[in-house]
Amino acid sequence: MVRVPLSPEQVKAGQRLGALMRTARAGRDPETIARDAGISPETLRKIEVGRMPSPSFGTVIGLCNALGLPLQDAVDAWHGADNHQLAI
């Protein structure tokens, strides 16, 4: 299966999502957050810096749960909504 390259808009959406996750982590240990989310610390790092701009839905849910972040905040970040608030 060949993966279609992401559009520049999709890459920017992933960067916004990564920034939200990094902010929500707020200095907490990335290894602990990654373990709680069911992903590797390397995957978390890639998401946070925007190198993995389209993580799977399950990964996003796992991260939101591990961070205590409402899923709607992740949706808002992806869409570029400025009205999301961190509920941590």
Protein backbone atom coordinates (compact mmCIF):
# COMPACT_ATOMS: atom_id res chain seq x y z
CA MET A 1 0.00 0.00 0.00
CA VAL A 2 1.38 3.38 -1.00
CA ARG A 3 0.73 6.23 1.40
CA VAL A 4 -0.39 9.48 -0.19
CA PRO A 5 1.83 12.39 0.88
CA LEU A 6 0.25 14.77 3.36
CA SER A 7 -0.77 18.20 2.17
CA PRO A 8 0.90 21.28 3.69
CA GLU A 9 -2.37 21.94 5.54
CA GLN A 10 -2.31 18.45 7.07
CA VAL A 11 1.31 18.93 8.14
CA LYS A 12 0.41 22.23 9.83
CA ALA A 13 -2.54 20.55 11.58
CA GLY A 14 -0.17 17.90 12.92
CA GLN A 15 2.22 20.57 14.14
CA ARG A 16 -0.64 22.29 16.01
CA LEU A 17 -1.66 18.97 17.55
CA GLY A 18 1.93 18.26 18.58
CA ALA A 19 2.29 21.70 20.17
CA LEU A 20 -0.91 21.11 22.14
CA MET A 21 0.35 17.75 23.38
CA ARG A 22 3.71 19.26 24.36
CA THR A 23 1.97 22.10 26.23
CA ALA A 24 -0.43 19.67 27.95
CA ARG A 25 2.48 17.51 29.06
CA ALA A 26 3.76 20.60 30.94
CA GLY A 27 7.15 19.21 31.83
CA ARG A 28 5.88 15.82 33.00
CA ASP A 29 8.15 12.91 32.24
CA PRO A 30 7.70 11.96 28.56
CA GLU A 31 8.47 8.31 29.23
CA THR A 32 5.67 8.10 31.79
CA ILE A 33 3.18 9.87 29.53
CA ALA A 34 4.16 7.66 26.57
CA ARG A 35 3.82 4.49 28.65
CA ASP A 36 0.42 5.61 29.97
CA ALA A 37 -0.68 6.36 26.39
CA GLY A 38 0.52 2.98 25.12
CA ILE A 39 3.14 4.43 22.77
CA SER A 40 6.90 4.69 22.74
CA PRO A 41 8.69 7.79 24.02
CA GLU A 42 10.10 8.21 20.49
CA THR A 43 6.57 8.30 19.05
CA LEU A 44 5.56 10.92 21.60
CA ARG A 45 8.62 13.01 20.72
CA LYS A 46 7.84 12.78 16.99
CA ILE A 47 4.24 13.87 17.60
CA GLU A 48 5.27 16.78 19.81
CA VAL A 49 7.77 18.17 17.30
CA GLY A 50 5.49 17.63 14.31
CA ARG A 51 7.50 14.85 12.66
CA MET A 52 4.48 12.55 12.93
CA PRO A 53 1.72 14.88 11.73
CA SER A 54 -1.01 12.27 11.43
CA PRO A 55 -0.96 9.94 14.45
CA SER A 56 -3.64 7.28 14.59
CA PHE A 57 -6.95 8.01 16.28
CA GLY A 58 -6.13 5.46 18.98
CA THR A 59 -2.82 7.18 19.66
CA VAL A 60 -4.51 10.57 20.01
CA ILE A 61 -7.11 9.12 22.39
CA GLY A 62 -4.39 7.40 24.43
CA LEU A 63 -2.42 10.64 24.68
CA CYS A 64 -5.50 12.65 25.65
CA ASN A 65 -6.28 10.13 28.38
CA ALA A 66 -2.69 10.08 29.64
CA LEU A 67 -2.56 13.87 29.68
CA GLY A 68 -6.02 14.45 31.12
CA LEU A 69 -6.79 16.44 27.99
CA PRO A 70 -10.32 16.53 26.54
CA LEU A 71 -10.41 14.96 23.08
CA GLN A 72 -12.24 18.06 21.85
CA ASP A 73 -9.10 20.11 22.56
CA ALA A 74 -7.15 17.84 20.20
CA VAL A 75 -9.87 18.20 17.56
CA ASP A 76 -9.83 21.98 17.95
CA ALA A 77 -6.03 22.08 17.66
CA TRP A 78 -6.16 19.94 14.52
CA HIS A 79 -8.71 22.28 12.94
CA GLY A 80 -6.86 25.40 14.06
CA ALA A 81 -9.58 26.60 16.42
CA ASP A 82 -8.28 29.22 18.80
CA ASN A 83 -10.93 28.59 21.42
CA HIS A 84 -9.59 25.38 22.96
CA GLN A 85 -8.59 25.56 26.61
CA LEU A 86 -6.29 23.13 28.38
CA ALA A 87 -8.30 21.35 31.07
CA ILE A 88 -5.34 20.10 33.08
